[in-house]
PDB file of N, CA and C in Angstrom:
ATOM      1  N   MET A   1       0.828  -1.187   0.000  1.00  0.00           N
ATOM      2  CA  MET A   1       0.000   0.000   0.000  1.00  0.00           C
ATOM      3  C   MET A   1       0.877   1.256   0.000  1.00  0.00           C
ATOM      4  N   ILE A   2       0.484   2.215  -0.773  1.00  0.00           N
ATOM      5  CA  ILE A   2       1.211   3.482  -0.844  1.00  0.00           C
ATOM      6  C   ILE A   2       0.810   4.333   0.360  1.00  0.00           C
ATOM      7  N   THR A   3       1.808   4.886   1.050  1.00  0.00           N
ATOM      8  CA  THR A   3       1.460   5.790   2.145  1.00  0.00           C
ATOM      9  C   THR A   3       1.075   7.147   1.572  1.00  0.00           C
ATOM     10  N   LEU A   4       0.303   7.901   2.343  1.00  0.00           N
ATOM     11  CA  LEU A   4      -0.154   9.212   1.864  1.00  0.00           C
ATOM     12  C   LEU A   4       1.011  10.171   1.685  1.00  0.00           C
ATOM     13  N   THR A   5       2.049  10.034   2.527  1.00  0.00           N
ATOM     14  CA  THR A   5       3.230  10.897   2.404  1.00  0.00           C
ATOM     15  C   THR A   5       3.949  10.635   1.089  1.00  0.00           C
ATOM     16  N   VAL A   6       4.129   9.364   0.759  1.00  0.00           N
ATOM     17  CA  VAL A   6       4.785   8.994  -0.500  1.00  0.00           C
ATOM     18  C   VAL A   6       3.977   9.522  -1.687  1.00  0.00           C
ATOM     19  N   LEU A   7       2.661   9.389  -1.583  1.00  0.00           N
ATOM     20  CA  LEU A   7       1.776   9.890  -2.641  1.00  0.00           C
ATOM     21  C   LEU A   7       1.969  11.391  -2.838  1.00  0.00           C
ATOM     22  N   ARG A   8       2.033  12.129  -1.734  1.00  0.00           N
ATOM     23  CA  ARG A   8       2.245  13.586  -1.799  1.00  0.00           C
ATOM     24  C   ARG A   8       3.586  13.936  -2.435  1.00  0.00           C
ATOM     25  N   VAL A   9       4.654  13.242  -2.006  1.00  0.00           N
ATOM     26  CA  VAL A   9       5.995  13.531  -2.507  1.00  0.00           C
ATOM     27  C   VAL A   9       6.065  13.334  -4.022  1.00  0.00           C
ATOM     28  N   TYR A  10       5.549  12.197  -4.503  1.00  0.00           N
ATOM     29  CA  TYR A  10       5.627  11.922  -5.928  1.00  0.00           C
ATOM     30  C   TYR A  10       4.699  12.810  -6.750  1.00  0.00           C
ATOM     31  N   ALA A  11       3.543  13.161  -6.189  1.00  0.00           N
ATOM     32  CA  ALA A  11       2.649  14.089  -6.879  1.00  0.00           C
ATOM     33  C   ALA A  11       3.337  15.434  -7.052  1.00  0.00           C
ATOM     34  N   ASN A  12       4.042  15.888  -6.014  1.00  0.00           N
ATOM     35  CA  ASN A  12       4.782  17.149  -6.116  1.00  0.00           C
ATOM     36  C   ASN A  12       5.905  17.053  -7.141  1.00  0.00           C
ATOM     37  N   LYS A  13       6.594  15.924  -7.176  1.00  0.00           N
ATOM     38  CA  LYS A  13       7.664  15.731  -8.156  1.00  0.00           C
ATOM     39  C   LYS A  13       7.123  15.748  -9.579  1.00  0.00           C
ATOM     40  N   LEU A  14       5.880  15.289  -9.751  1.00  0.00           N
ATOM     41  CA  LEU A  14       5.271  15.277 -11.082  1.00  0.00           C
ATOM     42  C   LEU A  14       4.691  16.641 -11.463  1.00  0.00           C
ATOM     43  N   GLY A  15       4.787  17.606 -10.548  1.00  0.00           N
ATOM     44  CA  GLY A  15       4.349  18.952 -10.867  1.00  0.00           C
ATOM     45  C   GLY A  15       2.914  19.260 -10.490  1.00  0.00           C
ATOM     46  N   PHE A  16       2.310  18.414  -9.661  1.00  0.00           N
ATOM     47  CA  PHE A  16       0.970  18.710  -9.172  1.00  0.00           C
ATOM     48  C   PHE A  16       1.049  19.916  -8.248  1.00  0.00           C
ATOM     49  N   ASN A  17       0.076  20.814  -8.324  1.00  0.00           N
ATOM     50  CA  ASN A  17       0.052  21.893  -7.337  1.00  0.00           C
ATOM     51  C   ASN A  17      -0.599  21.395  -6.051  1.00  0.00           C
ATOM     52  N   THR A  18      -0.601  22.238  -5.029  1.00  0.00           N
ATOM     53  CA  THR A  18      -1.053  21.795  -3.701  1.00  0.00           C
ATOM     54  C   THR A  18      -2.495  21.314  -3.711  1.00  0.00           C
ATOM     55  N   SER A  19      -3.374  22.038  -4.371  1.00  0.00           N
ATOM     56  CA  SER A  19      -4.784  21.621  -4.359  1.00  0.00           C
ATOM     57  C   SER A  19      -4.987  20.331  -5.143  1.00  0.00           C
ATOM     58  N   GLU A  20      -4.244  20.158  -6.229  1.00  0.00           N
ATOM     59  CA  GLU A  20      -4.323  18.899  -6.978  1.00  0.00           C
ATOM     60  C   GLU A  20      -3.842  17.733  -6.117  1.00  0.00           C
ATOM     61  N   THR A  21      -2.757  17.951  -5.395  1.00  0.00           N
ATOM     62  CA  THR A  21      -2.226  16.912  -4.521  1.00  0.00           C
ATOM     63  C   THR A  21      -3.217  16.573  -3.423  1.00  0.00           C
ATOM     64  N   ASP A  22      -3.826  17.615  -2.821  1.00  0.00           N
ATOM     65  CA  ASP A  22      -4.835  17.386  -1.785  1.00  0.00           C
ATOM     66  C   ASP A  22      -6.015  16.591  -2.338  1.00  0.00           C
ATOM     67  N   ASN A  23      -6.456  16.935  -3.535  1.00  0.00           N
ATOM     68  CA  ASN A  23      -7.556  16.199  -4.166  1.00  0.00           C
ATOM     69  C   ASN A  23      -7.177  14.745  -4.390  1.00  0.00           C
ATOM     70  N   LEU A  24      -5.960  14.522  -4.858  1.00  0.00           N
ATOM     71  CA  LEU A  24      -5.479  13.166  -5.111  1.00  0.00           C
ATOM     72  C   LEU A  24      -5.444  12.358  -3.809  1.00  0.00           C
ATOM     73  N   VAL A  25      -4.913  12.962  -2.750  1.00  0.00           N
ATOM     74  CA  VAL A  25      -4.825  12.286  -1.455  1.00  0.00           C
ATOM     75  C   VAL A  25      -6.226  11.969  -0.927  1.00  0.00           C
ATOM     76  N   ASN A  26      -7.150  12.904  -1.058  1.00  0.00           N
ATOM     77  CA  ASN A  26      -8.519  12.668  -0.592  1.00  0.00           C
ATOM     78  C   ASN A  26      -9.194  11.554  -1.385  1.00  0.00           C
ATOM     79  N   LEU A  27      -8.970  11.534  -2.694  1.00  0.00           N
ATOM     80  CA  LEU A  27      -9.518  10.453  -3.515  1.00  0.00           C
ATOM     81  C   LEU A  27      -8.932   9.102  -3.105  1.00  0.00           C
ATOM     82  N   TYR A  28      -7.631   9.096  -2.831  1.00  0.00           N
ATOM     83  CA  TYR A  28      -6.979   7.850  -2.435  1.00  0.00           C
ATOM     84  C   TYR A  28      -7.522   7.356  -1.095  1.00  0.00           C
ATOM     85  N   LYS A  29      -7.741   8.285  -0.153  1.00  0.00           N
ATOM     86  CA  LYS A  29      -8.334   7.910   1.135  1.00  0.00           C
ATOM     87  C   LYS A  29      -9.723   7.309   0.931  1.00  0.00           C
ATOM     88  N   LYS A  30     -10.514   7.919   0.045  1.00  0.00           N
ATOM     89  CA  LYS A  30     -11.858   7.399  -0.234  1.00  0.00           C
ATOM     90  C   LYS A  30     -11.770   6.023  -0.881  1.00  0.00           C
ATOM     91  N   TYR A  31     -10.810   5.857  -1.795  1.00  0.00           N
ATOM     92  CA  TYR A  31     -10.601   4.563  -2.441  1.00  0.00           C
ATOM     93  C   TYR A  31     -10.258   3.493  -1.405  1.00  0.00           C
ATOM     94  N   LEU A  32      -9.357   3.825  -0.472  1.00  0.00           N
ATOM     95  CA  LEU A  32      -8.967   2.858   0.555  1.00  0.00           C
ATOM     96  C   LEU A  32     -10.147   2.492   1.446  1.00  0.00           C
ATOM     97  N   SER A  33     -10.938   3.480   1.843  1.00  0.00           N
ATOM     98  CA  SER A  33     -12.079   3.174   2.704  1.00  0.00           C
ATOM     99  C   SER A  33     -13.123   2.362   1.941  1.00  0.00           C
ATOM    100  N   LEU A  34     -13.265   2.631   0.665  1.00  0.00           N
ATOM    101  CA  LEU A  34     -14.205   1.859  -0.157  1.00  0.00           C
ATOM    102  C   LEU A  34     -13.755   0.409  -0.280  1.00  0.00           C
ATOM    103  N   THR A  35     -12.475   0.187  -0.553  1.00  0.00           N
ATOM    104  CA  THR A  35     -11.993  -1.192  -0.676  1.00  0.00           C
ATOM    105  C   THR A  35     -12.088  -1.920   0.654  1.00  0.00           C
ATOM    106  N   ASP A  36     -11.821  -1.214   1.772  1.00  0.00           N
ATOM    107  CA  ASP A  36     -11.994  -1.826   3.099  1.00  0.00           C
ATOM    108  C   ASP A  36     -13.444  -2.230   3.311  1.00  0.00           C
ATOM    109  N   TYR A  37     -14.352  -1.345   2.970  1.00  0.00           N
ATOM    110  CA  TYR A  37     -15.784  -1.611   3.133  1.00  0.00           C
ATOM    111  C   TYR A  37     -16.203  -2.830   2.313  1.00  0.00           C
ATOM    112  N   ILE A  38     -15.749  -2.869   1.071  1.00  0.00           N
ATOM    113  CA  ILE A  38     -16.113  -3.989   0.195  1.00  0.00           C
ATOM    114  C   ILE A  38     -15.559  -5.299   0.743  1.00  0.00           C
ATOM    115  N   GLN A  39     -14.309  -5.285   1.201  1.00  0.00           N
ATOM    116  CA  GLN A  39     -13.722  -6.514   1.734  1.00  0.00           C
ATOM    117  C   GLN A  39     -14.447  -6.988   2.990  1.00  0.00           C
ATOM    118  N   LEU A  40     -14.873  -6.047   3.826  1.00  0.00           N
ATOM    119  CA  LEU A  40     -15.570  -6.436   5.059  1.00  0.00           C
ATOM    120  C   LEU A  40     -16.977  -6.966   4.788  1.00  0.00           C
ATOM    121  N   ASN A  41     -17.655  -6.399   3.810  1.00  0.00           N
ATOM    122  CA  ASN A  41     -19.064  -6.701   3.614  1.00  0.00           C
ATOM    123  C   ASN A  41     -19.366  -7.721   2.520  1.00  0.00           C
ATOM    124  N   TYR A  42     -18.402  -7.974   1.654  1.00  0.00           N
ATOM    125  CA  TYR A  42     -18.692  -8.858   0.516  1.00  0.00           C
ATOM    126  C   TYR A  42     -17.664  -9.971   0.373  1.00  0.00           C
ATOM    127  N   ARG A  43     -17.166 -10.446   1.515  1.00  0.00           N
ATOM    128  CA  ARG A  43     -16.175 -11.529   1.472  1.00  0.00           C
ATOM    129  C   ARG A  43     -16.687 -12.759   0.750  1.00  0.00           C
ATOM    130  N   GLY A  44     -17.953 -13.067   0.954  1.00  0.00           N
ATOM    131  CA  GLY A  44     -18.515 -14.241   0.321  1.00  0.00           C
ATOM    132  C   GLY A  44     -18.809 -14.053  -1.153  1.00  0.00           C
ATOM    133  N   VAL A  45     -18.935 -12.803  -1.572  1.00  0.00           N
ATOM    134  CA  VAL A  45     -19.327 -12.503  -2.950  1.00  0.00           C
ATOM    135  C   VAL A  45     -18.113 -12.412  -3.865  1.00  0.00           C
ATOM    136  N   ILE A  46     -17.061 -11.766  -3.360  1.00  0.00           N
ATOM    137  CA  ILE A  46     -15.889 -11.499  -4.199  1.00  0.00           C
ATOM    138  C   ILE A  46     -14.740 -12.425  -3.781  1.00  0.00           C
ATOM    139  N   ASP A  47     -14.135 -13.085  -4.728  1.00  0.00           N
ATOM    140  CA  ASP A  47     -12.940 -13.872  -4.452  1.00  0.00           C
ATOM    141  C   ASP A  47     -11.753 -12.941  -4.411  1.00  0.00           C
ATOM    142  N   ASN A  48     -11.066 -12.871  -3.272  1.00  0.00           N
ATOM    143  CA  ASN A  48      -9.903 -11.978  -3.149  1.00  0.00           C
ATOM    144  C   ASN A  48      -8.663 -12.670  -3.657  1.00  0.00           C
TER     145      ASN A  48
END
């Protein structure tokens, strides 16, 4: 898993501005919480 700090560092290296980086980090946090939710609630449905 990518840490949020690593994500920020590389986004800055790629030339993302601060608000773009913040948006990216927030999207990644939402993605992680979504995948956690799916794994907790649909273990029987999805083969991991």
